[in-house]
Amino acid sequence: MSTGVIIALIVIVAAVLVVAAVLALRARGPQHGGSLKRRFGPEYDRAVARHDGDTKAAERELADRVERHGSLRERELEPAERERFEARWTAAQERFVDSPREAVGEADRLLAELAGARGFPDGGQYEEQLAALSVHHAHHVDGYRRVHRVTHARVDGAHDAGAGTEEMRESMVAAHALFEDLVHPARHHDGGRHRAGTDGHGAAPATRAHHSWSLGKSRPKES
């Protein structure tokens, strides 16, 4: 057997081994489970629950999200944009006292617009936008999911099947954590990520938020 044939066989065998290794890595998705769980946090548990405890299926879904959206670069907001979004959120919180349903709907629209402004998929593609947000803001994205669900349950279902005031209030409190992550990314990197959705950031907007929620929560006549 000539030297050229031997070299060709070695190259072929090496290529086959590389392909086999890649396929094995894809098939053994759970070996990445630790890093996926760290990255997605509560979204990891939610995915596992949605797949009835099948961690392999959940990890394939999450790995697919990372593959589709992991390279997304978030666009910085201009100061004027940031101020407009903050003013709209404050107005929605204040509106909650008298019109909680309308306030939740505005929060849903506002998050969709804000995410789009930061470079995420357009809000008209809700599921894709949510998936992208889950890759980069996994610890707070469920707030968006909650206000969206409450808003569209009200639109698509019977009027008396909508969420109660307390559920709406809680959904907006949770959504505000994602709003803060998107509007103030520096705070997100400074350690605010794991704080509860009740604004532990210590900034003036958070103070206004707590004031609004105390008003909304104490209003006895709301239904």
Foldseek 3Di string as FASTA:
>chain_A
DDPVVVVVVVVVVVVVVVVVVVVVCLVPLCVCVVVLCVQQPVQLVVLCVVVVNPNNVSSVVLVVLCVVQVPFQWAADDPVRLVVLLVQLLVLLLVCQPPLLVSLVSLLVSVQVLLVNRPAPHVVPVVRSLSNCSRVQNLQSVLSVQSVVQNVCCVPHDVVVGDASVSSLVSSLSSVLVVCCSSPVVLVVVPPNNDHSQDPSPDPSSVSNVVSSVSNVPNPPGD
